[in-house]
Each structure stands twice: as structure tokens, then as C-alpha cells.
Amino acid sequence: MEKVKIKRGRQIYDAELKEELVRLLQTGKSAKEISKTFGIRENVLYRWRMKATSTTKKVKEENQNDFTLRLLAENKALLKENERLSIEREILKKALRLFSISD
């Protein structure tokens, strides 16, 4: 949890520190308190939180899309199998009628 300075006066923070501070924000601590404690501007904290939540939303949407695609593929396979079984059932019914008539 260390920050590193670069030339233009900007600071780069560890991803671990960012995640921890975003968690603190989400648990109810105010951005002002966190800002004073860690010496980071409030707007930076809000930006990190927004980025973290948008990333989470994207992951959820991707998972939802994958799930939907899997369901569509499974549905297609089940419809195909249902059609095959219906045809087999009709063939068996006809065969049963033929054997029952000839006896």
C-alpha cells in the first residue's frame, strides 16, 4: 500500500490500496474522512469508486450474455431432440398398428 511519484507531480497508487479505499467508501465511511486520513483528494476516491462499479457491471453483463447464449444453445438442442423423439414415437405408433392388424 505504497504510492509512487512520477515526474509531473501525479501520483500512482497501488491497485490494492485503491480497492481497499473503495471498500471503505462502500461500507459507509465518508470520502472526506478517507481523504484526510490517506491524503488523497475526494474526487479521486469517487473516480476510483465509479471505475470499480462500472467494471463490476461490465463483468455482470458479460456473464449474463454468456449465460443467455448457453441457454439459447441448450434450447436449440432440446428442440431438435424433441423433434427427433416425436418422429420416433410416430414411427412406433404406425408399427404397433401394423402388427396389431396382421395378428
N, C-alpha and C. Protein backbone atom coordinates (compact mmCIF):
# COMPACT_ATOMS: atom_id res chain seq x y z
N MET A 1 0.84 -1.18 0.00
CA MET A 1 0.00 0.00 0.00
C MET A 1 0.88 1.24 0.00
N GLU A 2 1.55 1.40 -1.10
CA GLU A 2 2.52 2.48 -1.21
C GLU A 2 2.23 3.28 -2.47
N LYS A 3 2.42 4.59 -2.39
CA LYS A 3 2.22 5.39 -3.60
C LYS A 3 3.58 5.76 -4.18
N VAL A 4 3.63 5.88 -5.49
CA VAL A 4 4.87 6.18 -6.18
C VAL A 4 4.68 7.48 -6.95
N LYS A 5 5.62 8.41 -6.83
CA LYS A 5 5.52 9.68 -7.54
C LYS A 5 6.16 9.57 -8.91
N ILE A 6 5.59 10.29 -9.86
CA ILE A 6 6.20 10.39 -11.18
C ILE A 6 6.45 11.85 -11.49
N LYS A 7 7.04 12.16 -12.63
CA LYS A 7 7.58 13.48 -12.94
C LYS A 7 6.61 14.65 -12.80
N ARG A 8 5.45 14.58 -13.39
CA ARG A 8 4.58 15.75 -13.47
C ARG A 8 3.79 16.03 -12.19
N GLY A 9 4.18 15.48 -11.11
CA GLY A 9 3.51 15.75 -9.85
C GLY A 9 2.33 14.82 -9.58
N ARG A 10 2.05 13.94 -10.50
CA ARG A 10 0.98 12.97 -10.29
C ARG A 10 1.51 11.81 -9.47
N GLN A 11 0.58 11.16 -8.81
CA GLN A 11 0.99 10.01 -8.01
C GLN A 11 0.26 8.77 -8.51
N ILE A 12 0.96 7.67 -8.49
CA ILE A 12 0.37 6.40 -8.88
C ILE A 12 0.20 5.58 -7.61
N TYR A 13 -1.01 5.06 -7.43
CA TYR A 13 -1.31 4.28 -6.23
C TYR A 13 -1.45 2.80 -6.59
N ASP A 14 -1.10 1.95 -5.65
CA ASP A 14 -1.26 0.51 -5.82
C ASP A 14 -2.72 0.17 -6.04
N ALA A 15 -2.97 -0.85 -6.83
CA ALA A 15 -4.33 -1.33 -7.05
C ALA A 15 -4.92 -1.83 -5.73
N GLU A 16 -4.08 -2.42 -4.90
CA GLU A 16 -4.51 -2.92 -3.60
C GLU A 16 -5.04 -1.79 -2.73
N LEU A 17 -4.32 -0.67 -2.70
CA LEU A 17 -4.74 0.49 -1.92
C LEU A 17 -6.06 1.04 -2.47
N LYS A 18 -6.16 1.13 -3.77
CA LYS A 18 -7.39 1.63 -4.40
C LYS A 18 -8.59 0.77 -4.01
N GLU A 19 -8.42 -0.55 -4.12
CA GLU A 19 -9.50 -1.47 -3.77
C GLU A 19 -9.92 -1.31 -2.32
N GLU A 20 -8.95 -1.19 -1.44
CA GLU A 20 -9.24 -1.06 -0.02
C GLU A 20 -10.00 0.24 0.26
N LEU A 21 -9.58 1.33 -0.37
CA LEU A 21 -10.25 2.61 -0.15
C LEU A 21 -11.65 2.60 -0.74
N VAL A 22 -11.84 1.95 -1.87
CA VAL A 22 -13.18 1.83 -2.46
C VAL A 22 -14.07 1.01 -1.53
N ARG A 23 -13.52 -0.05 -0.95
CA ARG A 23 -14.29 -0.85 0.03
C ARG A 23 -14.70 0.00 1.21
N LEU A 24 -13.79 0.84 1.69
CA LEU A 24 -14.13 1.73 2.80
C LEU A 24 -15.27 2.67 2.42
N LEU A 25 -15.21 3.21 1.22
CA LEU A 25 -16.28 4.08 0.74
C LEU A 25 -17.61 3.34 0.70
N GLN A 26 -17.59 2.10 0.24
CA GLN A 26 -18.81 1.33 0.10
C GLN A 26 -19.38 0.88 1.44
N THR A 27 -18.54 0.80 2.46
CA THR A 27 -19.04 0.38 3.77
C THR A 27 -19.66 1.53 4.54
N GLY A 28 -19.53 2.75 4.02
CA GLY A 28 -20.21 3.86 4.66
C GLY A 28 -19.32 4.96 5.19
N LYS A 29 -18.02 4.76 5.17
CA LYS A 29 -17.12 5.85 5.58
C LYS A 29 -17.23 6.98 4.58
N SER A 30 -17.16 8.19 5.06
CA SER A 30 -17.28 9.32 4.14
C SER A 30 -15.98 9.53 3.37
N ALA A 31 -16.13 10.07 2.19
CA ALA A 31 -14.96 10.34 1.35
C ALA A 31 -14.07 11.39 2.02
N LYS A 32 -14.69 12.29 2.74
CA LYS A 32 -13.93 13.33 3.43
C LYS A 32 -12.98 12.74 4.47
N GLU A 33 -13.51 11.79 5.26
CA GLU A 33 -12.69 11.14 6.28
C GLU A 33 -11.52 10.38 5.64
N ILE A 34 -11.84 9.61 4.62
CA ILE A 34 -10.82 8.82 3.95
C ILE A 34 -9.78 9.74 3.31
N SER A 35 -10.26 10.82 2.73
CA SER A 35 -9.37 11.79 2.09
C SER A 35 -8.38 12.36 3.09
N LYS A 36 -8.87 12.76 4.25
CA LYS A 36 -7.99 13.33 5.27
C LYS A 36 -7.02 12.29 5.80
N THR A 37 -7.50 11.08 6.03
CA THR A 37 -6.67 10.03 6.61
C THR A 37 -5.53 9.63 5.68
N PHE A 38 -5.82 9.47 4.40
CA PHE A 38 -4.83 8.96 3.47
C PHE A 38 -4.18 10.02 2.59
N GLY A 39 -4.67 11.26 2.68
CA GLY A 39 -4.08 12.34 1.90
C GLY A 39 -4.36 12.23 0.41
N ILE A 40 -5.54 11.74 0.09
CA ILE A 40 -5.95 11.59 -1.31
C ILE A 40 -7.19 12.45 -1.52
N ARG A 41 -7.27 13.13 -2.65
CA ARG A 41 -8.41 14.00 -2.91
C ARG A 41 -9.71 13.20 -3.02
N GLU A 42 -10.79 13.85 -2.59
CA GLU A 42 -12.10 13.20 -2.61
C GLU A 42 -12.51 12.81 -4.03
N ASN A 43 -12.28 13.71 -4.99
CA ASN A 43 -12.71 13.41 -6.36
C ASN A 43 -11.99 12.17 -6.92
N VAL A 44 -10.76 11.94 -6.48
CA VAL A 44 -10.03 10.75 -6.92
C VAL A 44 -10.70 9.50 -6.34
N LEU A 45 -11.11 9.58 -5.09
CA LEU A 45 -11.81 8.45 -4.47
C LEU A 45 -13.11 8.13 -5.20
N TYR A 46 -13.86 9.19 -5.53
CA TYR A 46 -15.11 8.99 -6.24
C TYR A 46 -14.86 8.39 -7.64
N ARG A 47 -13.80 8.83 -8.29
CA ARG A 47 -13.46 8.30 -9.62
C ARG A 47 -13.12 6.82 -9.51
N TRP A 48 -12.35 6.45 -8.49
CA TRP A 48 -11.99 5.04 -8.30
C TRP A 48 -13.24 4.20 -8.05
N ARG A 49 -14.14 4.74 -7.23
CA ARG A 49 -15.37 4.00 -6.93
C ARG A 49 -16.20 3.81 -8.20
N MET A 50 -16.32 4.88 -9.00
CA MET A 50 -17.11 4.80 -10.23
C MET A 50 -16.49 3.78 -11.20
N LYS A 51 -15.18 3.79 -11.30
CA LYS A 51 -14.48 2.86 -12.18
C LYS A 51 -14.69 1.41 -11.70
N ALA A 52 -14.60 1.21 -10.39
CA ALA A 52 -14.77 -0.13 -9.83
C ALA A 52 -16.19 -0.64 -10.06
N THR A 53 -17.19 0.20 -9.89
CA THR A 53 -18.57 -0.26 -10.08
C THR A 53 -18.88 -0.48 -11.56
N SER A 54 -18.31 0.34 -12.45
CA SER A 54 -18.57 0.13 -13.88
C SER A 54 -17.91 -1.15 -14.36
N THR A 55 -16.74 -1.47 -13.82
CA THR A 55 -16.06 -2.72 -14.16
C THR A 55 -16.90 -3.90 -13.70
N THR A 56 -17.46 -3.80 -12.50
CA THR A 56 -18.30 -4.86 -11.96
C THR A 56 -19.54 -5.05 -12.83
N LYS A 57 -20.14 -3.94 -13.28
CA LYS A 57 -21.32 -4.03 -14.13
C LYS A 57 -20.99 -4.69 -15.46
N LYS A 58 -19.83 -4.36 -16.04
CA LYS A 58 -19.43 -4.96 -17.31
C LYS A 58 -19.26 -6.46 -17.16
N VAL A 59 -18.63 -6.88 -16.07
CA VAL A 59 -18.42 -8.30 -15.83
C VAL A 59 -19.76 -9.01 -15.67
N LYS A 60 -20.69 -8.40 -14.95
CA LYS A 60 -22.01 -9.00 -14.78
C LYS A 60 -22.73 -9.10 -16.11
N GLU A 61 -22.64 -8.07 -16.95
CA GLU A 61 -23.29 -8.09 -18.26
C GLU A 61 -22.68 -9.17 -19.14
N GLU A 62 -21.36 -9.31 -19.12
CA GLU A 62 -20.71 -10.34 -19.91
C GLU A 62 -21.13 -11.73 -19.45
N ASN A 63 -21.19 -11.92 -18.13
CA ASN A 63 -21.63 -13.21 -17.60
C ASN A 63 -23.06 -13.49 -17.99
N GLN A 64 -23.91 -12.46 -17.96
CA GLN A 64 -25.31 -12.61 -18.34
C GLN A 64 -25.41 -12.99 -19.82
N ASN A 65 -24.61 -12.34 -20.67
CA ASN A 65 -24.63 -12.65 -22.10
C ASN A 65 -24.17 -14.09 -22.35
N ASP A 66 -23.12 -14.52 -21.66
CA ASP A 66 -22.65 -15.90 -21.80
C ASP A 66 -23.73 -16.89 -21.38
N PHE A 67 -24.39 -16.58 -20.26
CA PHE A 67 -25.45 -17.43 -19.75
C PHE A 67 -26.60 -17.51 -20.75
N THR A 68 -26.97 -16.37 -21.33
CA THR A 68 -28.05 -16.33 -22.31
C THR A 68 -27.69 -17.15 -23.54
N LEU A 69 -26.46 -17.01 -24.02
CA LEU A 69 -26.02 -17.79 -25.18
C LEU A 69 -26.06 -19.29 -24.89
N ARG A 70 -25.63 -19.67 -23.70
CA ARG A 70 -25.67 -21.09 -23.33
C ARG A 70 -27.10 -21.60 -23.28
N LEU A 71 -28.01 -20.78 -22.74
CA LEU A 71 -29.42 -21.19 -22.68
C LEU A 71 -30.02 -21.33 -24.08
N LEU A 72 -29.68 -20.41 -24.98
CA LEU A 72 -30.19 -20.49 -26.35
C LEU A 72 -29.68 -21.75 -27.05
N ALA A 73 -28.41 -22.07 -26.86
CA ALA A 73 -27.84 -23.28 -27.47
C ALA A 73 -28.50 -24.53 -26.90
N GLU A 74 -28.70 -24.55 -25.59
CA GLU A 74 -29.34 -25.70 -24.96
C GLU A 74 -30.78 -25.84 -25.45
N ASN A 75 -31.48 -24.71 -25.57
CA ASN A 75 -32.85 -24.73 -26.05
C ASN A 75 -32.93 -25.29 -27.47
N LYS A 76 -32.02 -24.87 -28.33
CA LYS A 76 -31.98 -25.35 -29.71
C LYS A 76 -31.76 -26.86 -29.74
N ALA A 77 -30.83 -27.34 -28.92
CA ALA A 77 -30.54 -28.78 -28.87
C ALA A 77 -31.75 -29.55 -28.36
N LEU A 78 -32.43 -29.02 -27.36
CA LEU A 78 -33.60 -29.71 -26.82
C LEU A 78 -34.75 -29.74 -27.82
N LEU A 79 -34.93 -28.66 -28.56
CA LEU A 79 -35.97 -28.64 -29.60
C LEU A 79 -35.68 -29.68 -30.68
N LYS A 80 -34.41 -29.79 -31.06
CA LYS A 80 -34.02 -30.77 -32.07
C LYS A 80 -34.27 -32.19 -31.57
N GLU A 81 -33.91 -32.45 -30.31
CA GLU A 81 -34.12 -33.76 -29.72
C GLU A 81 -35.61 -34.06 -29.61
N ASN A 82 -36.41 -33.07 -29.24
CA ASN A 82 -37.85 -33.24 -29.13
C ASN A 82 -38.45 -33.61 -30.49
N GLU A 83 -38.00 -32.96 -31.54
CA GLU A 83 -38.47 -33.27 -32.89
C GLU A 83 -38.12 -34.71 -33.27
N ARG A 84 -36.90 -35.13 -32.95
CA ARG A 84 -36.46 -36.50 -33.26
C ARG A 84 -37.30 -37.51 -32.49
N LEU A 85 -37.56 -37.23 -31.23
CA LEU A 85 -38.36 -38.16 -30.41
C LEU A 85 -39.81 -38.21 -30.89
N SER A 86 -40.34 -37.11 -31.34
CA SER A 86 -41.71 -37.09 -31.88
C SER A 86 -41.80 -37.97 -33.12
N ILE A 87 -40.80 -37.87 -34.00
CA ILE A 87 -40.78 -38.70 -35.21
C ILE A 87 -40.69 -40.17 -34.84
N GLU A 88 -39.81 -40.51 -33.89
CA GLU A 88 -39.67 -41.90 -33.45
C GLU A 88 -40.98 -42.42 -32.87
N ARG A 89 -41.65 -41.61 -32.10
CA ARG A 89 -42.93 -42.01 -31.49
C ARG A 89 -43.97 -42.31 -32.58
N GLU A 90 -44.03 -41.45 -33.59
CA GLU A 90 -44.98 -41.67 -34.69
C GLU A 90 -44.66 -42.97 -35.43
N ILE A 91 -43.37 -43.23 -35.65
CA ILE A 91 -42.97 -44.47 -36.33
C ILE A 91 -43.39 -45.68 -35.49
N LEU A 92 -43.18 -45.61 -34.18
CA LEU A 92 -43.57 -46.73 -33.31
C LEU A 92 -45.08 -46.93 -33.28
N LYS A 93 -45.83 -45.84 -33.31
CA LYS A 93 -47.29 -45.96 -33.34
C LYS A 93 -47.74 -46.68 -34.62
N LYS A 94 -47.16 -46.28 -35.76
CA LYS A 94 -47.51 -46.92 -37.03
C LYS A 94 -47.14 -48.40 -37.01
N ALA A 95 -45.96 -48.71 -36.47
CA ALA A 95 -45.51 -50.10 -36.39
C ALA A 95 -46.45 -50.91 -35.50
N LEU A 96 -46.88 -50.35 -34.41
CA LEU A 96 -47.80 -51.03 -33.49
C LEU A 96 -49.13 -51.31 -34.19
N ARG A 97 -49.63 -50.35 -34.97
CA ARG A 97 -50.88 -50.55 -35.70
C ARG A 97 -50.72 -51.66 -36.74
N LEU A 98 -49.58 -51.68 -37.42
CA LEU A 98 -49.36 -52.72 -38.43
C LEU A 98 -49.31 -54.11 -37.81
N PHE A 99 -48.62 -54.24 -36.69
CA PHE A 99 -48.51 -55.55 -36.06
C PHE A 99 -49.82 -56.00 -35.42
N SER A 100 -50.60 -55.05 -34.93
CA SER A 100 -51.86 -55.42 -34.29
C SER A 100 -52.90 -55.81 -35.36
N ILE A 101 -52.84 -55.28 -36.56
CA ILE A 101 -53.78 -55.60 -37.62
C ILE A 101 -53.45 -56.98 -38.21
N SER A 102 -52.17 -57.28 -38.40
CA SER A 102 -51.77 -58.53 -39.03
C SER A 102 -51.98 -59.74 -38.15
N ASP A 103 -52.11 -59.59 -36.84
CA ASP A 103 -52.30 -60.74 -35.94
C ASP A 103 -53.69 -61.23 -35.95
